[in-house]
Amino acid sequence: MSKAKKQRKKTSLSPSRVIKPDSAAVKPASTLDIIQNRRSIRKFKTDIPTDADIENILEAARWAPSGLNNQPWRFLVIQDKAIKGGLAQFTKYKTIIKEAPVLIAVCMDITESYNRDKDLMAIGACIQNMLLDAYALGLGTCWLGEILNRKEEVSGFLKLSKDLLSLR
């Protein structure tokens, strides 16, 4: 069993871990509020998200449903300007890639795949979880799919193993 699966399975929301809001505190946004208010952001602040925020986003992604709990996704967190600049050459949205303080490339691990169609749907849910969690943290995001038109070149540029397919 992979490390992510073990980590996901051992995390639980037992009653002792549920945090009850203080009655004087501001009511947290509902899930529907978050879904309805999240937008694709194409101009970013120069602030770099904290490592804790990035880990939180990745944790939300790992909790997405997947058939047989195979969790076929793998992530590459990219902050290096040279790598972002190189990736930008593969899409017409180069400005977004260059200016985003952090990129998270989402790949499919074909060694964990049991049904490509179902796994692609699971990865979509994974990415949606990332977008919603980032919004809840006050961070802007933009899901770029156009770069998939050159996924083989992107995979080569990122030096991905043949078992990882570049998805974004």
Protein backbone atom coordinates (compact mmCIF):
# COMPACT_ATOMS: atom_id res chain seq x y z
CA MET A 1 0.00 0.00 0.00
CA SER A 2 1.36 3.42 -0.94
CA LYS A 3 2.36 5.97 1.67
CA ALA A 4 -0.46 8.31 0.61
CA LYS A 5 -3.05 5.55 1.02
CA LYS A 6 -1.73 4.66 4.46
CA GLN A 7 -1.72 8.31 5.50
CA ARG A 8 -5.23 8.86 4.14
CA LYS A 9 -6.62 5.75 5.80
CA LYS A 10 -5.15 6.51 9.22
CA THR A 11 -6.63 10.01 9.27
CA SER A 12 -10.08 9.99 10.78
CA LEU A 13 -12.60 12.45 12.02
CA SER A 14 -13.29 10.90 15.37
CA PRO A 15 -15.44 13.01 17.70
CA SER A 16 -12.36 14.10 19.63
CA ARG A 17 -10.86 15.59 16.44
CA VAL A 18 -13.91 17.53 15.28
CA ILE A 19 -13.44 21.21 16.00
CA LYS A 20 -16.67 22.86 17.03
CA PRO A 21 -16.93 26.53 16.11
CA ASP A 22 -17.13 29.03 18.94
CA SER A 23 -20.59 30.60 18.95
CA ALA A 24 -19.00 34.06 18.95
CA ALA A 25 -16.83 33.21 15.95
CA VAL A 26 -17.73 34.13 12.38
CA LYS A 27 -19.75 31.39 10.73
CA PRO A 28 -17.52 29.50 8.29
CA ALA A 29 -18.54 29.49 4.65
CA SER A 30 -20.67 26.58 3.60
CA THR A 31 -19.38 24.15 1.02
CA LEU A 32 -21.94 25.47 -1.44
CA ASP A 33 -20.73 29.06 -0.82
CA ILE A 34 -17.18 27.97 -1.59
CA ILE A 35 -18.26 26.14 -4.77
CA GLN A 36 -20.36 29.08 -5.98
CA ASN A 37 -17.78 31.79 -5.23
CA ARG A 38 -14.53 30.17 -6.43
CA ARG A 39 -13.29 31.67 -9.67
CA SER A 40 -10.37 31.06 -11.99
CA ILE A 41 -7.72 33.66 -11.23
CA ARG A 42 -5.27 34.62 -13.94
CA LYS A 43 -3.37 37.45 -12.24
CA PHE A 44 -1.63 36.51 -9.04
CA LYS A 45 -0.19 38.35 -6.08
CA THR A 46 3.54 38.00 -5.62
CA ASP A 47 3.05 36.43 -2.18
CA ILE A 48 4.20 32.83 -2.10
CA PRO A 49 1.80 30.41 -0.41
CA THR A 50 3.24 28.86 2.72
CA ASP A 51 4.45 25.28 2.76
CA ALA A 52 1.59 24.57 5.18
CA ASP A 53 -0.95 25.93 2.67
CA ILE A 54 0.54 23.82 -0.13
CA GLU A 55 0.47 20.72 2.07
CA ASN A 56 -3.14 21.49 3.01
CA ILE A 57 -4.10 21.72 -0.67
CA LEU A 58 -2.35 18.44 -1.45
CA GLU A 59 -4.07 16.78 1.52
CA ALA A 60 -7.46 17.94 0.21
CA ALA A 61 -6.53 16.47 -3.18
CA ARG A 62 -5.64 13.11 -1.65
CA TRP A 63 -9.12 12.86 -0.11
CA ALA A 64 -10.83 12.82 -3.50
CA PRO A 65 -12.76 9.66 -4.28
CA SER A 66 -11.16 7.13 -6.61
CA GLY A 67 -12.31 3.72 -7.78
CA LEU A 68 -10.94 0.97 -5.55
CA ASN A 69 -9.23 3.80 -3.62
CA ASN A 70 -6.36 3.49 -6.11
CA GLN A 71 -5.51 7.21 -5.89
CA PRO A 72 -3.85 7.35 -9.33
CA TRP A 73 -2.71 10.97 -8.99
CA ARG A 74 0.82 12.21 -8.41
CA PHE A 75 1.81 15.83 -7.84
CA LEU A 76 4.78 17.98 -8.75
CA VAL A 77 4.99 21.28 -6.87
CA ILE A 78 6.89 23.73 -9.05
CA GLN A 79 8.20 27.08 -7.80
CA ASP A 80 11.44 27.38 -9.77
CA LYS A 81 11.23 30.27 -12.27
CA ALA A 82 13.34 28.47 -14.87
CA ILE A 83 11.09 25.40 -14.81
CA LYS A 84 7.96 27.58 -14.96
CA GLY A 85 9.48 29.45 -17.90
CA GLY A 86 10.22 26.18 -19.66
CA LEU A 87 6.69 24.89 -19.09
CA ALA A 88 5.24 28.14 -20.37
CA GLN A 89 6.57 27.39 -23.86
CA PHE A 90 4.04 24.55 -24.19
CA THR A 91 0.88 26.65 -23.86
CA LYS A 92 -0.71 29.83 -25.11
CA TYR A 93 -1.32 30.67 -21.42
CA LYS A 94 2.39 31.26 -20.81
CA THR A 95 1.83 34.43 -18.78
CA ILE A 96 -0.31 32.58 -16.22
CA ILE A 97 2.34 29.88 -15.81
CA LYS A 98 5.21 32.34 -15.52
CA GLU A 99 3.45 34.63 -13.04
CA ALA A 100 1.85 32.05 -10.74
CA PRO A 101 3.99 31.78 -7.59
CA VAL A 102 3.39 28.01 -7.42
CA LEU A 103 2.31 25.41 -9.98
CA ILE A 104 1.02 21.99 -9.07
CA ALA A 105 1.30 19.60 -11.97
CA VAL A 106 -1.08 16.66 -11.63
CA CYS A 107 -0.07 13.41 -13.27
CA MET A 108 -1.68 9.99 -13.56
CA ASP A 109 0.37 7.04 -12.31
CA ILE A 110 -0.51 4.34 -14.82
CA THR A 111 0.90 1.64 -12.51
CA GLU A 112 -1.97 2.48 -10.12
CA SER A 113 -4.59 2.76 -12.86
CA TYR A 114 -7.24 0.10 -13.28
CA ASN A 115 -9.63 1.94 -15.63
CA ARG A 116 -8.42 5.02 -17.50
CA ASP A 117 -11.85 6.66 -17.80
CA LYS A 118 -12.64 6.21 -14.11
CA ASP A 119 -9.16 7.32 -13.10
CA LEU A 120 -9.46 10.50 -15.17
CA MET A 121 -12.74 11.27 -13.41
CA ALA A 122 -11.05 10.67 -10.04
CA ILE A 123 -8.23 13.01 -11.01
CA GLY A 124 -10.82 15.65 -11.96
CA ALA A 125 -12.32 15.30 -8.48
CA CYS A 126 -8.82 15.54 -7.02
CA ILE A 127 -8.14 18.78 -8.87
CA GLN A 128 -11.53 20.18 -7.87
CA ASN A 129 -10.70 19.48 -4.22
CA MET A 130 -7.44 21.39 -4.69
CA LEU A 131 -9.20 24.39 -6.22
CA LEU A 132 -11.85 24.54 -3.52
CA ASP A 133 -9.36 24.16 -0.68
CA ALA A 134 -7.09 26.84 -2.14
CA TYR A 135 -10.08 29.19 -2.38
CA ALA A 136 -11.02 28.44 1.24
CA LEU A 137 -7.43 29.35 2.19
CA GLY A 138 -7.74 32.67 0.34
CA LEU A 139 -5.56 31.61 -2.60
CA GLY A 140 -6.34 32.09 -6.27
CA THR A 141 -6.10 29.22 -8.75
CA CYS A 142 -6.57 28.48 -12.42
CA TRP A 143 -6.96 24.98 -13.87
CA LEU A 144 -5.14 24.90 -17.20
CA GLY A 145 -6.15 22.07 -19.49
CA GLU A 146 -4.95 23.47 -22.82
CA ILE A 147 -1.38 22.39 -22.03
CA LEU A 148 -2.55 18.78 -22.41
CA ASN A 149 -2.42 19.32 -26.16
CA ARG A 150 1.36 18.92 -25.75
CA LYS A 151 1.43 16.47 -22.85
CA GLU A 152 4.18 14.29 -24.35
CA GLU A 153 6.47 17.31 -24.66
CA VAL A 154 5.54 18.46 -21.14
CA SER A 155 6.31 14.99 -19.78
CA GLY A 156 9.69 15.06 -21.52
CA PHE A 157 10.49 18.53 -20.22
CA LEU A 158 9.60 17.54 -16.65
CA LYS A 159 11.54 14.28 -17.09
CA LEU A 160 8.58 12.22 -15.89
CA SER A 161 8.99 8.47 -15.74
CA LYS A 162 7.11 6.50 -18.39
CA ASP A 163 4.68 5.43 -15.65
CA LEU A 164 3.48 9.02 -15.13
CA LEU A 165 1.25 10.74 -17.63
CA SER A 166 1.21 14.50 -17.57
CA LEU A 167 -2.24 15.83 -16.73
CA ARG A 168 -3.18 19.28 -15.67
